[in-house]
PDB file of N, CA and C in Angstrom:
ATOM      1  N   MET A   1       1.616   9.683  13.973  1.00  0.00           N
ATOM      2  CA  MET A   1       3.135  10.428  14.624  1.00  0.00           C
ATOM      3  C   MET A   1       1.420  10.592  16.733  1.00  0.00           C
ATOM      4  N   SER A   2       2.312  10.215  17.116  1.00  0.00           N
ATOM      5  CA  SER A   2       2.569  11.247  18.541  1.00  0.00           C
ATOM      6  C   SER A   2       1.789  12.965  18.057  1.00  0.00           C
ATOM      7  N   ASP A   3       2.152  13.616  18.000  1.00  0.00           N
ATOM      8  CA  ASP A   3       1.563  15.157  17.263  1.00  0.00           C
ATOM      9  C   ASP A   3       0.494  14.604  16.363  1.00  0.00           C
ATOM     10  N   GLY A   4       0.245  14.344  15.598  1.00  0.00           N
ATOM     11  CA  GLY A   4      -0.240  13.896  14.885  1.00  0.00           C
ATOM     12  C   GLY A   4       0.022  14.933  12.983  1.00  0.00           C
ATOM     13  N   LYS A   5       1.199  15.146  12.833  1.00  0.00           N
ATOM     14  CA  LYS A   5       1.865  15.747  11.966  1.00  0.00           C
ATOM     15  C   LYS A   5       2.099  15.023  11.181  1.00  0.00           C
ATOM     16  N   VAL A   6       1.836  14.328  10.179  1.00  0.00           N
ATOM     17  CA  VAL A   6       1.864  13.400   8.607  1.00  0.00           C
ATOM     18  C   VAL A   6       0.988  14.097   7.881  1.00  0.00           C
ATOM     19  N   ILE A   7       1.748  13.692   6.851  1.00  0.00           N
ATOM     20  CA  ILE A   7       2.067  14.231   5.571  1.00  0.00           C
ATOM     21  C   ILE A   7       1.174  13.075   4.436  1.00  0.00           C
ATOM     22  N   GLU A   8       0.026  12.998   3.513  1.00  0.00           N
ATOM     23  CA  GLU A   8      -0.648  11.922   2.889  1.00  0.00           C
ATOM     24  C   GLU A   8      -0.395  11.968   1.749  1.00  0.00           C
ATOM     25  N   VAL A   9       0.103  10.648   1.051  1.00  0.00           N
ATOM     26  CA  VAL A   9       0.178  10.594  -0.591  1.00  0.00           C
ATOM     27  C   VAL A   9      -0.299   9.708  -0.910  1.00  0.00           C
ATOM     28  N   GLU A  10      -0.177   9.561  -2.319  1.00  0.00           N
ATOM     29  CA  GLU A  10      -0.201   9.007  -3.438  1.00  0.00           C
ATOM     30  C   GLU A  10       0.982   7.847  -3.709  1.00  0.00           C
ATOM     31  N   GLY A  11       0.851   6.975  -3.662  1.00  0.00           N
ATOM     32  CA  GLY A  11       2.208   5.993  -5.190  1.00  0.00           C
ATOM     33  C   GLY A  11       1.382   5.299  -5.476  1.00  0.00           C
ATOM     34  N   LYS A  12       3.161   4.465  -6.146  1.00  0.00           N
ATOM     35  CA  LYS A  12       2.747   3.399  -6.724  1.00  0.00           C
ATOM     36  C   LYS A  12       3.499   1.557  -6.727  1.00  0.00           C
ATOM     37  N   ILE A  13       3.409   1.001  -6.228  1.00  0.00           N
ATOM     38  CA  ILE A  13       4.601   0.096  -6.299  1.00  0.00           C
ATOM     39  C   ILE A  13       5.372  -0.068  -6.683  1.00  0.00           C
ATOM     40  N   THR A  14       6.696  -0.185  -6.672  1.00  0.00           N
ATOM     41  CA  THR A  14       7.940  -0.790  -8.157  1.00  0.00           C
ATOM     42  C   THR A  14       8.680  -1.278  -7.619  1.00  0.00           C
ATOM     43  N   THR A  15       8.778  -1.503  -6.777  1.00  0.00           N
ATOM     44  CA  THR A  15       9.600  -2.965  -5.713  1.00  0.00           C
ATOM     45  C   THR A  15       9.174  -3.474  -4.365  1.00  0.00           C
ATOM     46  N   VAL A  16       8.752  -5.181  -4.793  1.00  0.00           N
ATOM     47  CA  VAL A  16       8.730  -5.465  -3.171  1.00  0.00           C
ATOM     48  C   VAL A  16       9.831  -6.083  -2.850  1.00  0.00           C
ATOM     49  N   LEU A  17      10.294  -6.027  -1.452  1.00  0.00           N
ATOM     50  CA  LEU A  17      11.671  -6.206  -1.047  1.00  0.00           C
ATOM     51  C   LEU A  17      11.038  -7.399   0.349  1.00  0.00           C
ATOM     52  N   PRO A  18      12.076  -7.721   1.117  1.00  0.00           N
ATOM     53  CA  PRO A  18      12.039  -8.214   2.537  1.00  0.00           C
ATOM     54  C   PRO A  18      11.825  -8.063   3.429  1.00  0.00           C
ATOM     55  N   GLY A  19      11.117  -8.139   4.133  1.00  0.00           N
ATOM     56  CA  GLY A  19      10.532  -7.653   5.594  1.00  0.00           C
ATOM     57  C   GLY A  19       8.622  -6.714   5.378  1.00  0.00           C
ATOM     58  N   THR A  20       8.754  -6.908   4.842  1.00  0.00           N
ATOM     59  CA  THR A  20       7.378  -6.391   4.444  1.00  0.00           C
ATOM     60  C   THR A  20       7.386  -5.034   4.139  1.00  0.00           C
ATOM     61  N   MET A  21       9.092  -4.621   3.424  1.00  0.00           N
ATOM     62  CA  MET A  21       9.222  -3.572   2.710  1.00  0.00           C
ATOM     63  C   MET A  21       9.022  -3.159   1.031  1.00  0.00           C
ATOM     64  N   PHE A  22       8.762  -2.088   0.795  1.00  0.00           N
ATOM     65  CA  PHE A  22       8.902  -2.120  -0.562  1.00  0.00           C
ATOM     66  C   PHE A  22       9.430  -0.866  -0.913  1.00  0.00           C
ATOM     67  N   ARG A  23       9.190  -0.157  -2.259  1.00  0.00           N
ATOM     68  CA  ARG A  23       9.910   0.334  -2.762  1.00  0.00           C
ATOM     69  C   ARG A  23       8.699   1.219  -3.590  1.00  0.00           C
ATOM     70  N   VAL A  24       8.780   2.116  -3.615  1.00  0.00           N
ATOM     71  CA  VAL A  24       7.158   3.418  -3.549  1.00  0.00           C
ATOM     72  C   VAL A  24       7.549   4.786  -4.475  1.00  0.00           C
ATOM     73  N   GLN A  25       7.076   5.001  -5.731  1.00  0.00           N
ATOM     74  CA  GLN A  25       7.121   5.741  -6.128  1.00  0.00           C
ATOM     75  C   GLN A  25       5.811   7.081  -6.301  1.00  0.00           C
ATOM     76  N   LEU A  26       6.169   7.660  -5.740  1.00  0.00           N
ATOM     77  CA  LEU A  26       4.775   8.664  -5.439  1.00  0.00           C
ATOM     78  C   LEU A  26       4.875   9.797  -7.416  1.00  0.00           C
ATOM     79  N   ASP A  27       3.534   9.947  -6.589  1.00  0.00           N
ATOM     80  CA  ASP A  27       2.941  10.333  -7.823  1.00  0.00           C
ATOM     81  C   ASP A  27       3.861  11.616  -8.779  1.00  0.00           C
ATOM     82  N   ASN A  28       5.071  12.559  -7.322  1.00  0.00           N
ATOM     83  CA  ASN A  28       5.271  13.369  -8.603  1.00  0.00           C
ATOM     84  C   ASN A  28       7.410  12.867  -8.597  1.00  0.00           C
ATOM     85  N   GLY A  29       7.397  11.206  -8.778  1.00  0.00           N
ATOM     86  CA  GLY A  29       8.767  11.085  -9.504  1.00  0.00           C
ATOM     87  C   GLY A  29       9.799  10.704  -8.157  1.00  0.00           C
ATOM     88  N   HIS A  30       9.630  10.958  -6.900  1.00  0.00           N
ATOM     89  CA  HIS A  30       9.949  10.537  -5.675  1.00  0.00           C
ATOM     90  C   HIS A  30       9.886   9.068  -5.348  1.00  0.00           C
ATOM     91  N   MET A  31      10.907   9.110  -5.317  1.00  0.00           N
ATOM     92  CA  MET A  31      10.870   7.312  -4.724  1.00  0.00           C
ATOM     93  C   MET A  31      10.936   7.412  -2.940  1.00  0.00           C
ATOM     94  N   VAL A  32      10.535   5.962  -2.533  1.00  0.00           N
ATOM     95  CA  VAL A  32      10.383   5.965  -1.099  1.00  0.00           C
ATOM     96  C   VAL A  32      10.514   5.012  -0.587  1.00  0.00           C
ATOM     97  N   LEU A  33      11.136   4.508   0.502  1.00  0.00           N
ATOM     98  CA  LEU A  33      10.844   2.763   1.058  1.00  0.00           C
ATOM     99  C   LEU A  33       9.656   3.036   2.475  1.00  0.00           C
ATOM    100  N   ALA A  34       8.379   2.083   2.435  1.00  0.00           N
ATOM    101  CA  ALA A  34       8.173   1.739   2.984  1.00  0.00           C
ATOM    102  C   ALA A  34       7.414   0.742   3.436  1.00  0.00           C
ATOM    103  N   HIS A  35       6.971   1.000   4.755  1.00  0.00           N
ATOM    104  CA  HIS A  35       5.812  -0.707   5.303  1.00  0.00           C
ATOM    105  C   HIS A  35       5.421  -0.267   5.936  1.00  0.00           C
ATOM    106  N   ILE A  36       4.228  -2.078   6.008  1.00  0.00           N
ATOM    107  CA  ILE A  36       2.691  -1.933   5.906  1.00  0.00           C
ATOM    108  C   ILE A  36       2.564  -1.297   7.487  1.00  0.00           C
ATOM    109  N   SER A  37       1.821  -0.968   7.441  1.00  0.00           N
ATOM    110  CA  SER A  37       1.312  -0.356   9.093  1.00  0.00           C
ATOM    111  C   SER A  37       0.970  -1.671   9.800  1.00  0.00           C
ATOM    112  N   GLY A  38       0.349  -1.479  10.853  1.00  0.00           N
ATOM    113  CA  GLY A  38      -0.036  -2.888  11.831  1.00  0.00           C
ATOM    114  C   GLY A  38      -1.784  -3.576  11.417  1.00  0.00           C
ATOM    115  N   LYS A  39      -2.512  -2.776  10.628  1.00  0.00           N
ATOM    116  CA  LYS A  39      -3.454  -3.173  10.399  1.00  0.00           C
ATOM    117  C   LYS A  39      -4.165  -3.814   9.352  1.00  0.00           C
ATOM    118  N   LEU A  40      -2.989  -3.517   7.876  1.00  0.00           N
ATOM    119  CA  LEU A  40      -2.867  -4.023   7.048  1.00  0.00           C
ATOM    120  C   LEU A  40      -1.871  -5.629   7.462  1.00  0.00           C
ATOM    121  N   ARG A  41      -0.867  -5.563   8.514  1.00  0.00           N
ATOM    122  CA  ARG A  41      -0.710  -6.933   8.402  1.00  0.00           C
ATOM    123  C   ARG A  41      -1.457  -7.403   9.520  1.00  0.00           C
ATOM    124  N   LYS A  42      -2.109  -6.913  10.342  1.00  0.00           N
ATOM    125  CA  LYS A  42      -3.735  -7.513  11.050  1.00  0.00           C
ATOM    126  C   LYS A  42      -4.416  -8.636  10.070  1.00  0.00           C
ATOM    127  N   HIS A  43      -5.084  -7.290   9.390  1.00  0.00           N
ATOM    128  CA  HIS A  43      -6.096  -8.331   7.703  1.00  0.00           C
ATOM    129  C   HIS A  43      -5.810  -9.067   6.818  1.00  0.00           C
ATOM    130  N   PHE A  44      -4.609  -9.373   7.109  1.00  0.00           N
ATOM    131  CA  PHE A  44      -2.944 -10.220   5.850  1.00  0.00           C
ATOM    132  C   PHE A  44      -2.955  -9.233   4.980  1.00  0.00           C
ATOM    133  N   ILE A  45      -3.853  -8.313   4.741  1.00  0.00           N
ATOM    134  CA  ILE A  45      -3.977  -7.198   3.642  1.00  0.00           C
ATOM    135  C   ILE A  45      -2.909  -7.277   2.421  1.00  0.00           C
ATOM    136  N   LYS A  46      -2.295  -8.286   1.157  1.00  0.00           N
ATOM    137  CA  LYS A  46      -1.250  -8.335   0.482  1.00  0.00           C
ATOM    138  C   LYS A  46      -1.286  -6.794  -0.170  1.00  0.00           C
ATOM    139  N   ILE A  47      -0.039  -6.935  -0.375  1.00  0.00           N
ATOM    140  CA  ILE A  47      -0.046  -6.053  -1.439  1.00  0.00           C
ATOM    141  C   ILE A  47       1.400  -6.333  -2.454  1.00  0.00           C
ATOM    142  N   ALA A  48       1.114  -6.068  -4.101  1.00  0.00           N
ATOM    143  CA  ALA A  48       2.180  -7.088  -4.389  1.00  0.00           C
ATOM    144  C   ALA A  48       2.727  -5.242  -5.746  1.00  0.00           C
ATOM    145  N   ALA A  49       3.746  -5.860  -6.326  1.00  0.00           N
ATOM    146  CA  ALA A  49       4.034  -4.737  -8.018  1.00  0.00           C
ATOM    147  C   ALA A  49       3.220  -3.850  -8.818  1.00  0.00           C
ATOM    148  N   GLY A  50       2.558  -2.970  -8.479  1.00  0.00           N
ATOM    149  CA  GLY A  50       1.879  -2.679  -9.210  1.00  0.00           C
ATOM    150  C   GLY A  50       0.405  -2.154  -8.331  1.00  0.00           C
ATOM    151  N   ASP A  51       0.729  -2.326  -7.748  1.00  0.00           N
ATOM    152  CA  ASP A  51      -0.727  -1.547  -6.252  1.00  0.00           C
ATOM    153  C   ASP A  51      -0.265  -0.704  -6.440  1.00  0.00           C
ATOM    154  N   LYS A  52      -1.847   0.559  -6.287  1.00  0.00           N
ATOM    155  CA  LYS A  52      -1.242   1.799  -5.925  1.00  0.00           C
ATOM    156  C   LYS A  52      -1.368   2.291  -3.980  1.00  0.00           C
ATOM    157  N   VAL A  53      -0.849   2.824  -3.784  1.00  0.00           N
ATOM    158  CA  VAL A  53      -1.346   2.997  -1.759  1.00  0.00           C
ATOM    159  C   VAL A  53      -1.400   4.400  -1.590  1.00  0.00           C
ATOM    160  N   LYS A  54      -2.293   4.335  -0.442  1.00  0.00           N
ATOM    161  CA  LYS A  54      -2.491   5.522   0.374  1.00  0.00           C
ATOM    162  C   LYS A  54      -1.029   5.470   1.155  1.00  0.00           C
ATOM    163  N   MET A  55      -0.517   6.199   1.545  1.00  0.00           N
ATOM    164  CA  MET A  55       0.891   6.953   2.307  1.00  0.00           C
ATOM    165  C   MET A  55       0.905   7.762   3.491  1.00  0.00           C
ATOM    166  N   GLU A  56       1.805   7.895   4.592  1.00  0.00           N
ATOM    167  CA  GLU A  56       1.550   8.436   5.897  1.00  0.00           C
ATOM    168  C   GLU A  56       3.517   8.409   5.687  1.00  0.00           C
ATOM    169  N   MET A  57       3.210  10.218   5.851  1.00  0.00           N
ATOM    170  CA  MET A  57       5.237  10.134   5.748  1.00  0.00           C
ATOM    171  C   MET A  57       5.245  11.297   6.643  1.00  0.00           C
ATOM    172  N   SER A  58       6.274  10.916   7.494  1.00  0.00           N
ATOM    173  CA  SER A  58       6.559  11.849   8.894  1.00  0.00           C
ATOM    174  C   SER A  58       7.683  13.205   7.853  1.00  0.00           C
ATOM    175  N   PRO A  59       6.978  15.228   8.472  1.00  0.00           N
ATOM    176  CA  PRO A  59       7.398  15.986   8.372  1.00  0.00           C
ATOM    177  C   PRO A  59       8.934  16.048   7.933  1.00  0.00           C
ATOM    178  N   TYR A  60       9.686  15.546   9.298  1.00  0.00           N
ATOM    179  CA  TYR A  60      11.058  15.006   9.612  1.00  0.00           C
ATOM    180  C   TYR A  60      12.248  13.897   8.338  1.00  0.00           C
ATOM    181  N   ASP A  61      11.944  13.270   7.626  1.00  0.00           N
ATOM    182  CA  ASP A  61      12.080  12.283   7.273  1.00  0.00           C
ATOM    183  C   ASP A  61      11.170  11.865   5.945  1.00  0.00           C
ATOM    184  N   LEU A  62      11.524  12.700   4.799  1.00  0.00           N
ATOM    185  CA  LEU A  62      11.045  12.147   3.627  1.00  0.00           C
ATOM    186  C   LEU A  62      10.990  11.185   2.275  1.00  0.00           C
ATOM    187  N   ASP A  63      12.376   9.997   3.146  1.00  0.00           N
ATOM    188  CA  ASP A  63      12.618   8.933   2.066  1.00  0.00           C
ATOM    189  C   ASP A  63      11.462   8.072   2.709  1.00  0.00           C
ATOM    190  N   LYS A  64      11.491   8.026   3.776  1.00  0.00           N
ATOM    191  CA  LYS A  64      10.061   7.014   4.517  1.00  0.00           C
ATOM    192  C   LYS A  64       8.877   6.911   4.770  1.00  0.00           C
ATOM    193  N   ALA A  65       8.005   6.422   4.262  1.00  0.00           N
ATOM    194  CA  ALA A  65       6.514   5.635   4.497  1.00  0.00           C
ATOM    195  C   ALA A  65       6.172   4.921   5.188  1.00  0.00           C
ATOM    196  N   ARG A  66       4.830   5.091   5.860  1.00  0.00           N
ATOM    197  CA  ARG A  66       4.291   3.544   6.619  1.00  0.00           C
ATOM    198  C   ARG A  66       3.197   3.806   5.332  1.00  0.00           C
ATOM    199  N   ILE A  67       2.200   2.367   4.913  1.00  0.00           N
ATOM    200  CA  ILE A  67       1.203   2.773   3.793  1.00  0.00           C
ATOM    201  C   ILE A  67       0.156   1.784   5.002  1.00  0.00           C
ATOM    202  N   THR A  68      -0.754   2.924   4.001  1.00  0.00           N
ATOM    203  CA  THR A  68      -2.252   2.921   5.792  1.00  0.00           C
ATOM    204  C   THR A  68      -3.262   1.614   4.888  1.00  0.00           C
ATOM    205  N   TYR A  69      -3.452   2.425   3.245  1.00  0.00           N
ATOM    206  CA  TYR A  69      -3.959   1.943   3.026  1.00  0.00           C
ATOM    207  C   TYR A  69      -3.594   1.654   0.928  1.00  0.00           C
ATOM    208  N   ARG A  70      -4.502  -0.071   0.116  1.00  0.00           N
ATOM    209  CA  ARG A  70      -4.679  -0.236  -0.661  1.00  0.00           C
ATOM    210  C   ARG A  70      -5.500   0.099  -1.613  1.00  0.00           C
ATOM    211  N   ILE A  71      -5.708   1.133  -2.600  1.00  0.00           N
ATOM    212  CA  ILE A  71      -6.735   1.887  -3.135  1.00  0.00           C
ATOM    213  C   ILE A  71      -6.616   0.204  -3.781  1.00  0.00           C
ATOM    214  N   ARG A  72      -8.058   0.327  -4.470  1.00  0.00           N
ATOM    215  CA  ARG A  72      -8.226  -0.676  -5.210  1.00  0.00           C
ATOM    216  C   ARG A  72      -8.820  -0.541  -6.784  1.00  0.00           C
ATOM    217  N   GLU A  73      -9.060  -1.267  -7.760  1.00  0.00           N
ATOM    218  CA  GLU A  73      -8.948  -1.214  -9.677  1.00  0.00           C
ATOM    219  C   GLU A  73     -10.211  -0.963  -9.586  1.00  0.00           C
ATOM    220  N   THR A  74     -11.240  -0.098 -10.303  1.00  0.00           N
ATOM    221  CA  THR A  74     -12.171   0.427 -10.074  1.00  0.00           C
ATOM    222  C   THR A  74     -12.863  -0.597 -11.004  1.00  0.00           C
ATOM    223  N   ASN A  75     -11.647  -0.443 -12.754  1.00  0.00           N
ATOM    224  CA  ASN A  75     -12.009  -1.458 -14.028  1.00  0.00           C
ATOM    225  C   ASN A  75     -11.358  -3.131 -13.550  1.00  0.00           C
ATOM    226  N   LEU A  76     -11.709  -3.561 -12.581  1.00  0.00           N
ATOM    227  CA  LEU A  76     -11.529  -5.289 -12.821  1.00  0.00           C
ATOM    228  C   LEU A  76     -12.630  -5.925 -13.620  1.00  0.00           C
ATOM    229  N   PRO A  77     -12.640  -6.978 -14.093  1.00  0.00           N
ATOM    230  CA  PRO A  77     -13.621  -7.536 -14.227  1.00  0.00           C
ATOM    231  C   PRO A  77     -14.335  -8.597 -13.321  1.00  0.00           C
ATOM    232  N   PRO A  78     -15.555  -8.107 -13.531  1.00  0.00           N
ATOM    233  CA  PRO A  78     -16.240  -9.599 -12.113  1.00  0.00           C
ATOM    234  C   PRO A  78     -15.685 -10.630 -12.549  1.00  0.00           C
ATOM    235  N   PRO A  79     -15.909 -10.780 -10.935  1.00  0.00           N
ATOM    236  CA  PRO A  79     -16.086 -12.710 -11.379  1.00  0.00           C
ATOM    237  C   PRO A  79     -16.207 -12.993 -11.974  1.00  0.00           C
ATOM    238  N   GLY A  80     -15.455 -14.782 -12.266  1.00  0.00           N
ATOM    239  CA  GLY A  80     -16.808 -15.692 -12.577  1.00  0.00           C
ATOM    240  C   GLY A  80     -18.090 -16.123 -12.617  1.00  0.00           C
ATOM    241  N   PRO A  81     -18.154 -17.204 -12.732  1.00  0.00           N
ATOM    242  CA  PRO A  81     -19.208 -17.561 -12.169  1.00  0.00           C
ATOM    243  C   PRO A  81     -19.024 -19.017 -10.876  1.00  0.00           C
ATOM    244  N   ARG A  82     -20.240 -18.830 -10.074  1.00  0.00           N
ATOM    245  CA  ARG A  82     -20.090 -19.025  -8.627  1.00  0.00           C
ATOM    246  C   ARG A  82     -20.267 -20.946  -9.694  1.00  0.00           C
ATOM    247  N   ARG A  83     -19.366 -21.988  -8.676  1.00  0.00           N
ATOM    248  CA  ARG A  83     -20.009 -23.007  -8.655  1.00  0.00           C
ATOM    249  C   ARG A  83     -21.327 -23.570  -7.587  1.00  0.00           C
ATOM    250  N   PRO A  84     -22.312 -24.243  -8.263  1.00  0.00           N
ATOM    251  CA  PRO A  84     -22.267 -25.048  -7.416  1.00  0.00           C
ATOM    252  C   PRO A  84     -21.988 -26.195  -6.103  1.00  0.00           C
ATOM    253  N   ARG A  85     -22.775 -25.560  -5.050  1.00  0.00           N
ATOM    254  CA  ARG A  85     -21.881 -26.611  -3.613  1.00  0.00           C
ATOM    255  C   ARG A  85     -22.555 -27.743  -3.168  1.00  0.00           C
ATOM    256  N   ARG A  86     -21.382 -28.495  -3.349  1.00  0.00           N
ATOM    257  CA  ARG A  86     -22.230 -30.268  -3.217  1.00  0.00           C
ATOM    258  C   ARG A  86     -21.795 -30.431  -2.007  1.00  0.00           C
ATOM    259  N   PHE A  87     -22.645 -30.749  -1.532  1.00  0.00           N
ATOM    260  CA  PHE A  87     -22.430 -31.545  -0.007  1.00  0.00           C
ATOM    261  C   PHE A  87     -21.943 -33.259   0.187  1.00  0.00           C
TER     262      PHE A  87
END
């Protein structure tokens, strides 16, 4: 926003909607409609149902938000062994 008054919140994606829109449940139980920010779109960051995200909300409309960061899960299993490269 131009005046810099944003509310940063975290939530979990519950529903993936068309047009890069998502239904997100905040930690306090409130449901909001969110869209992806330009940086996530530019760098092809994939967001799926069940992902934890960080969002910015305007203090004037608390039903909509902009997703600014996808929080990675820390307890993922390590990647499998890499195959040798053949030329």
